[in-house]
Amino acid sequence: MAFIAQLQTADLAVGIFFLGLYGAMSQRNIMKTIMSVGIMDLGAITFFMMVNHPPDARPPISSTPVAHMADPVPQALMITAIVIGVSIIAMCLAMYMRVAYRYGTADWSILIRRLEK
């Protein structure tokens, strides 16, 4: 239990990323693979937001002293990463709908066999 108490948010974000990676590598269902990629995206964004975040940081929008302000660059980059992640998931879902309609399956191995014929 002492190990769990020492975990930081960045450690948990890395765990979420690798959980999504495991899901993406081990699932036979295309829809579950797409969800796993979304989990990987969530883990990466959480990691980059929390890795260098001081606990007493304030948003850089008020008259806060510079020493107590949070760095706005990682926040801006992660907003961009969120938009890109949503776009990738939307593209994957659109491709999945087309493949499922044309080949009638959501299983990777069946799809590969049907594409080889």
N, C-alpha and C. Protein backbone atom coordinates (compact mmCIF):
# COMPACT_ATOMS: atom_id res chain seq x y z
N MET A 1 0.80 -1.20 0.00
CA MET A 1 0.00 0.00 0.00
C MET A 1 0.84 1.26 0.00
N ALA A 2 2.06 1.18 0.53
CA ALA A 2 2.93 2.35 0.55
C ALA A 2 3.33 2.75 -0.86
N PHE A 3 3.44 1.77 -1.76
CA PHE A 3 3.78 2.06 -3.16
C PHE A 3 2.68 2.88 -3.82
N ILE A 4 1.44 2.53 -3.57
CA ILE A 4 0.32 3.24 -4.18
C ILE A 4 0.24 4.66 -3.66
N ALA A 5 0.56 4.88 -2.40
CA ALA A 5 0.50 6.22 -1.83
C ALA A 5 1.56 7.13 -2.43
N GLN A 6 2.65 6.58 -2.96
CA GLN A 6 3.72 7.39 -3.53
C GLN A 6 3.50 7.71 -5.00
N LEU A 7 2.48 7.16 -5.63
CA LEU A 7 2.25 7.41 -7.05
C LEU A 7 1.83 8.86 -7.27
N GLN A 8 2.34 9.42 -8.33
CA GLN A 8 1.98 10.77 -8.74
C GLN A 8 0.99 10.68 -9.90
N THR A 9 0.40 11.81 -10.25
CA THR A 9 -0.53 11.85 -11.37
C THR A 9 0.16 11.46 -12.67
N ALA A 10 1.40 11.88 -12.85
CA ALA A 10 2.13 11.54 -14.07
C ALA A 10 2.36 10.03 -14.16
N ASP A 11 2.60 9.36 -13.04
CA ASP A 11 2.76 7.90 -13.04
C ASP A 11 1.46 7.22 -13.46
N LEU A 12 0.35 7.70 -12.96
CA LEU A 12 -0.94 7.12 -13.33
C LEU A 12 -1.25 7.38 -14.80
N ALA A 13 -0.84 8.54 -15.32
CA ALA A 13 -1.06 8.85 -16.74
C ALA A 13 -0.26 7.90 -17.63
N VAL A 14 0.95 7.58 -17.22
CA VAL A 14 1.76 6.61 -17.97
C VAL A 14 1.09 5.24 -17.93
N GLY A 15 0.54 4.87 -16.79
CA GLY A 15 -0.19 3.60 -16.68
C GLY A 15 -1.41 3.57 -17.58
N ILE A 16 -2.15 4.67 -17.66
CA ILE A 16 -3.31 4.75 -18.55
C ILE A 16 -2.87 4.62 -20.01
N PHE A 17 -1.76 5.27 -20.36
CA PHE A 17 -1.26 5.17 -21.73
C PHE A 17 -0.94 3.72 -22.09
N PHE A 18 -0.21 3.02 -21.20
CA PHE A 18 0.16 1.64 -21.50
C PHE A 18 -1.02 0.69 -21.43
N LEU A 19 -2.03 1.02 -20.64
CA LEU A 19 -3.26 0.24 -20.65
C LEU A 19 -3.94 0.35 -22.02
N GLY A 20 -3.98 1.57 -22.56
CA GLY A 20 -4.53 1.76 -23.90
C GLY A 20 -3.70 1.08 -24.97
N LEU A 21 -2.37 1.10 -24.82
CA LEU A 21 -1.49 0.41 -25.77
C LEU A 21 -1.73 -1.09 -25.75
N TYR A 22 -1.88 -1.65 -24.56
CA TYR A 22 -2.18 -3.08 -24.45
C TYR A 22 -3.51 -3.40 -25.13
N GLY A 23 -4.50 -2.55 -24.90
CA GLY A 23 -5.80 -2.77 -25.53
C GLY A 23 -5.73 -2.67 -27.04
N ALA A 24 -4.96 -1.73 -27.55
CA ALA A 24 -4.84 -1.58 -29.00
C ALA A 24 -4.12 -2.76 -29.62
N MET A 25 -3.18 -3.35 -28.90
CA MET A 25 -2.41 -4.47 -29.45
C MET A 25 -3.12 -5.81 -29.29
N SER A 26 -4.01 -5.94 -28.31
CA SER A 26 -4.56 -7.25 -28.01
C SER A 26 -6.00 -7.46 -28.48
N GLN A 27 -6.70 -6.43 -28.85
CA GLN A 27 -8.10 -6.57 -29.20
C GLN A 27 -8.28 -7.04 -30.64
N ARG A 28 -9.25 -7.90 -30.85
CA ARG A 28 -9.57 -8.35 -32.20
C ARG A 28 -10.70 -7.52 -32.79
N ASN A 29 -11.44 -6.84 -31.96
CA ASN A 29 -12.55 -6.03 -32.42
C ASN A 29 -12.05 -4.64 -32.80
N ILE A 30 -12.46 -4.16 -33.96
CA ILE A 30 -11.99 -2.86 -34.45
C ILE A 30 -12.48 -1.74 -33.54
N MET A 31 -13.71 -1.83 -33.07
CA MET A 31 -14.26 -0.77 -32.22
C MET A 31 -13.49 -0.67 -30.90
N LYS A 32 -13.12 -1.80 -30.32
CA LYS A 32 -12.34 -1.79 -29.08
C LYS A 32 -10.94 -1.24 -29.32
N THR A 33 -10.40 -1.49 -30.49
CA THR A 33 -9.09 -0.92 -30.84
C THR A 33 -9.17 0.60 -30.92
N ILE A 34 -10.23 1.11 -31.52
CA ILE A 34 -10.41 2.56 -31.61
C ILE A 34 -10.57 3.17 -30.22
N MET A 35 -11.31 2.51 -29.34
CA MET A 35 -11.46 3.01 -27.97
C MET A 35 -10.12 2.98 -27.24
N SER A 36 -9.31 1.97 -27.50
CA SER A 36 -7.99 1.89 -26.87
C SER A 36 -7.08 3.02 -27.32
N VAL A 37 -7.18 3.40 -28.59
CA VAL A 37 -6.39 4.54 -29.09
C VAL A 37 -6.83 5.83 -28.38
N GLY A 38 -8.12 5.97 -28.12
CA GLY A 38 -8.61 7.12 -27.37
C GLY A 38 -8.09 7.13 -25.94
N ILE A 39 -7.98 5.96 -25.32
CA ILE A 39 -7.42 5.87 -23.97
C ILE A 39 -5.94 6.25 -23.98
N MET A 40 -5.21 5.81 -25.02
CA MET A 40 -3.80 6.20 -25.13
C MET A 40 -3.67 7.72 -25.25
N ASP A 41 -4.55 8.33 -26.04
CA ASP A 41 -4.54 9.79 -26.21
C ASP A 41 -4.79 10.48 -24.87
N LEU A 42 -5.74 9.99 -24.11
CA LEU A 42 -6.04 10.56 -22.79
C LEU A 42 -4.84 10.46 -21.86
N GLY A 43 -4.16 9.32 -21.87
CA GLY A 43 -2.98 9.15 -21.02
C GLY A 43 -1.85 10.09 -21.40
N ALA A 44 -1.63 10.26 -22.70
CA ALA A 44 -0.55 11.15 -23.15
C ALA A 44 -0.85 12.60 -22.79
N ILE A 45 -2.07 13.03 -22.98
CA ILE A 45 -2.44 14.42 -22.66
C ILE A 45 -2.33 14.66 -21.15
N THR A 46 -2.82 13.72 -20.35
CA THR A 46 -2.72 13.86 -18.90
C THR A 46 -1.26 13.92 -18.45
N PHE A 47 -0.43 13.08 -19.04
CA PHE A 47 0.99 13.08 -18.67
C PHE A 47 1.62 14.43 -18.96
N PHE A 48 1.44 14.96 -20.14
CA PHE A 48 2.09 16.22 -20.50
C PHE A 48 1.51 17.41 -19.74
N MET A 49 0.27 17.32 -19.29
CA MET A 49 -0.30 18.40 -18.49
C MET A 49 0.22 18.38 -17.05
N MET A 50 0.50 17.21 -16.52
CA MET A 50 0.84 17.08 -15.11
C MET A 50 2.32 16.89 -14.81
N VAL A 51 3.14 16.64 -15.81
CA VAL A 51 4.53 16.28 -15.53
C VAL A 51 5.33 17.44 -14.93
N ASN A 52 5.04 18.65 -15.28
CA ASN A 52 5.81 19.79 -14.78
C ASN A 52 4.89 20.83 -14.16
N HIS A 53 3.82 20.39 -13.55
CA HIS A 53 2.83 21.31 -12.97
C HIS A 53 3.11 21.51 -11.49
N PRO A 54 3.55 22.71 -11.09
CA PRO A 54 3.74 22.97 -9.65
C PRO A 54 2.39 23.00 -8.93
N PRO A 55 2.33 22.52 -7.72
CA PRO A 55 1.04 22.41 -7.03
C PRO A 55 0.38 23.76 -6.73
N ASP A 56 1.14 24.83 -6.60
CA ASP A 56 0.55 26.13 -6.26
C ASP A 56 0.45 27.07 -7.46
N ALA A 57 0.53 26.54 -8.66
CA ALA A 57 0.49 27.39 -9.86
C ALA A 57 -0.90 27.96 -10.10
N ARG A 58 -0.93 29.17 -10.59
CA ARG A 58 -2.18 29.86 -10.89
C ARG A 58 -2.27 30.13 -12.39
N PRO A 59 -3.46 30.29 -12.94
CA PRO A 59 -3.57 30.60 -14.36
C PRO A 59 -2.94 31.96 -14.68
N PRO A 60 -2.33 32.10 -15.85
CA PRO A 60 -1.65 33.36 -16.19
C PRO A 60 -2.60 34.41 -16.75
N ILE A 61 -3.76 34.59 -16.14
CA ILE A 61 -4.72 35.56 -16.66
C ILE A 61 -5.00 36.69 -15.69
N SER A 62 -4.47 36.63 -14.49
CA SER A 62 -4.73 37.67 -13.51
C SER A 62 -3.42 38.38 -13.15
N SER A 63 -3.48 39.18 -12.13
CA SER A 63 -2.28 39.91 -11.70
C SER A 63 -1.45 39.07 -10.73
N THR A 64 -1.32 37.80 -11.02
CA THR A 64 -0.51 36.88 -10.21
C THR A 64 0.96 37.13 -10.49
N PRO A 65 1.80 37.06 -9.48
CA PRO A 65 3.24 37.19 -9.74
C PRO A 65 3.73 36.09 -10.69
N VAL A 66 4.75 36.42 -11.46
CA VAL A 66 5.25 35.50 -12.48
C VAL A 66 5.75 34.20 -11.87
N ALA A 67 6.29 34.25 -10.68
CA ALA A 67 6.82 33.04 -10.03
C ALA A 67 5.72 32.02 -9.72
N HIS A 68 4.46 32.47 -9.58
CA HIS A 68 3.36 31.57 -9.23
C HIS A 68 2.48 31.22 -10.42
N MET A 69 2.83 31.68 -11.60
CA MET A 69 2.00 31.40 -12.78
C MET A 69 2.32 30.04 -13.38
N ALA A 70 1.29 29.38 -13.90
CA ALA A 70 1.48 28.13 -14.63
C ALA A 70 1.96 28.47 -16.04
N ASP A 71 2.75 27.59 -16.60
CA ASP A 71 3.26 27.79 -17.95
C ASP A 71 2.14 27.56 -18.96
N PRO A 72 1.79 28.56 -19.78
CA PRO A 72 0.66 28.39 -20.71
C PRO A 72 1.01 27.58 -21.97
N VAL A 73 2.28 27.37 -22.27
CA VAL A 73 2.65 26.68 -23.50
C VAL A 73 2.19 25.22 -23.50
N PRO A 74 2.44 24.42 -22.43
CA PRO A 74 1.92 23.04 -22.46
C PRO A 74 0.40 22.98 -22.54
N GLN A 75 -0.27 23.94 -21.92
CA GLN A 75 -1.72 23.95 -21.99
C GLN A 75 -2.21 24.20 -23.41
N ALA A 76 -1.57 25.13 -24.10
CA ALA A 76 -1.94 25.40 -25.49
C ALA A 76 -1.65 24.21 -26.39
N LEU A 77 -0.53 23.56 -26.16
CA LEU A 77 -0.19 22.38 -26.96
C LEU A 77 -1.17 21.24 -26.71
N MET A 78 -1.62 21.08 -25.48
CA MET A 78 -2.53 19.99 -25.18
C MET A 78 -3.93 20.26 -25.71
N ILE A 79 -4.32 21.52 -25.79
CA ILE A 79 -5.60 21.83 -26.45
C ILE A 79 -5.53 21.42 -27.91
N THR A 80 -4.40 21.69 -28.55
CA THR A 80 -4.20 21.25 -29.93
C THR A 80 -4.20 19.73 -30.02
N ALA A 81 -3.57 19.05 -29.05
CA ALA A 81 -3.54 17.59 -29.05
C ALA A 81 -4.94 17.00 -28.86
N ILE A 82 -5.77 17.66 -28.07
CA ILE A 82 -7.15 17.19 -27.88
C ILE A 82 -7.92 17.28 -29.19
N VAL A 83 -7.78 18.39 -29.90
CA VAL A 83 -8.46 18.56 -31.18
C VAL A 83 -7.98 17.51 -32.19
N ILE A 84 -6.68 17.28 -32.24
CA ILE A 84 -6.14 16.27 -33.16
C ILE A 84 -6.63 14.88 -32.77
N GLY A 85 -6.66 14.58 -31.47
CA GLY A 85 -7.15 13.28 -31.02
C GLY A 85 -8.60 13.03 -31.36
N VAL A 86 -9.44 14.05 -31.19
CA VAL A 86 -10.85 13.92 -31.55
C VAL A 86 -10.99 13.71 -33.06
N SER A 87 -10.18 14.41 -33.84
CA SER A 87 -10.23 14.25 -35.30
C SER A 87 -9.80 12.85 -35.72
N ILE A 88 -8.78 12.31 -35.08
CA ILE A 88 -8.32 10.96 -35.41
C ILE A 88 -9.38 9.93 -35.05
N ILE A 89 -10.01 10.07 -33.89
CA ILE A 89 -11.05 9.14 -33.49
C ILE A 89 -12.24 9.23 -34.46
N ALA A 90 -12.61 10.44 -34.86
CA ALA A 90 -13.71 10.60 -35.81
C ALA A 90 -13.37 9.96 -37.16
N MET A 91 -12.14 10.14 -37.63
CA MET A 91 -11.73 9.52 -38.89
C MET A 91 -11.74 8.00 -38.78
N CYS A 92 -11.25 7.47 -37.65
CA CYS A 92 -11.26 6.01 -37.44
C CYS A 92 -12.68 5.47 -37.40
N LEU A 93 -13.58 6.17 -36.76
CA LEU A 93 -14.97 5.72 -36.71
C LEU A 93 -15.63 5.76 -38.09
N ALA A 94 -15.32 6.78 -38.87
CA ALA A 94 -15.86 6.85 -40.23
C ALA A 94 -15.33 5.71 -41.09
N MET A 95 -14.03 5.41 -40.95
CA MET A 95 -13.47 4.29 -41.70
C MET A 95 -14.05 2.96 -41.22
N TYR A 96 -14.26 2.84 -39.91
CA TYR A 96 -14.87 1.62 -39.38
C TYR A 96 -16.27 1.42 -39.93
N MET A 97 -17.07 2.47 -39.99
CA MET A 97 -18.42 2.35 -40.52
C MET A 97 -18.39 1.88 -41.98
N ARG A 98 -17.48 2.41 -42.75
CA ARG A 98 -17.36 2.01 -44.15
C ARG A 98 -16.93 0.55 -44.29
N VAL A 99 -15.94 0.13 -43.50
CA VAL A 99 -15.46 -1.25 -43.55
C VAL A 99 -16.54 -2.21 -43.06
N ALA A 100 -17.22 -1.88 -41.97
CA ALA A 100 -18.26 -2.75 -41.44
C ALA A 100 -19.42 -2.88 -42.43
N TYR A 101 -19.74 -1.81 -43.12
CA TYR A 101 -20.82 -1.88 -44.11
C TYR A 101 -20.40 -2.71 -45.32
N ARG A 102 -19.18 -2.54 -45.77
CA ARG A 102 -18.74 -3.23 -46.99
C ARG A 102 -18.41 -4.70 -46.75
N TYR A 103 -17.73 -5.01 -45.64
CA TYR A 103 -17.27 -6.38 -45.40
C TYR A 103 -18.09 -7.12 -44.35
N GLY A 104 -18.94 -6.44 -43.63
CA GLY A 104 -19.84 -7.08 -42.69
C GLY A 104 -19.18 -7.68 -41.46
N THR A 105 -18.08 -7.12 -41.01
CA THR A 105 -17.41 -7.65 -39.83
C THR A 105 -16.72 -6.53 -39.06
N ALA A 106 -16.52 -6.80 -37.77
CA ALA A 106 -15.76 -5.88 -36.92
C ALA A 106 -14.54 -6.58 -36.33
N ASP A 107 -14.21 -7.74 -36.86
CA ASP A 107 -13.09 -8.54 -36.37
C ASP A 107 -11.90 -8.36 -37.32
N TRP A 108 -10.74 -8.03 -36.74
CA TRP A 108 -9.55 -7.80 -37.57
C TRP A 108 -9.17 -9.02 -38.39
N SER A 109 -9.17 -10.20 -37.78
CA SER A 109 -8.71 -11.39 -38.51
C SER A 109 -9.64 -11.77 -39.65
N ILE A 110 -10.95 -11.67 -39.43
CA ILE A 110 -11.90 -11.94 -40.52
C ILE A 110 -11.75 -10.91 -41.62
N LEU A 111 -11.57 -9.65 -41.25
CA LEU A 111 -11.40 -8.60 -42.24
C LEU A 111 -10.15 -8.84 -43.10
N ILE A 112 -9.06 -9.22 -42.47
CA ILE A 112 -7.81 -9.47 -43.22
C ILE A 112 -8.00 -10.65 -44.17
N ARG A 113 -8.68 -11.71 -43.71
CA ARG A 113 -8.94 -12.86 -44.60
C ARG A 113 -9.79 -12.47 -45.79
N ARG A 114 -10.80 -11.61 -45.55
CA ARG A 114 -11.67 -11.20 -46.66
C ARG A 114 -10.95 -10.26 -47.61
N LEU A 115 -10.02 -9.47 -47.11
CA LEU A 115 -9.26 -8.58 -47.99
C LEU A 115 -8.25 -9.34 -48.83
N GLU A 116 -7.75 -10.49 -48.34
CA GLU A 116 -6.77 -11.28 -49.08
C GLU A 116 -7.38 -12.05 -50.23
N LYS A 117 -8.69 -12.25 -50.19
CA LYS A 117 -9.35 -13.02 -51.27
C LYS A 117 -9.50 -12.22 -52.52
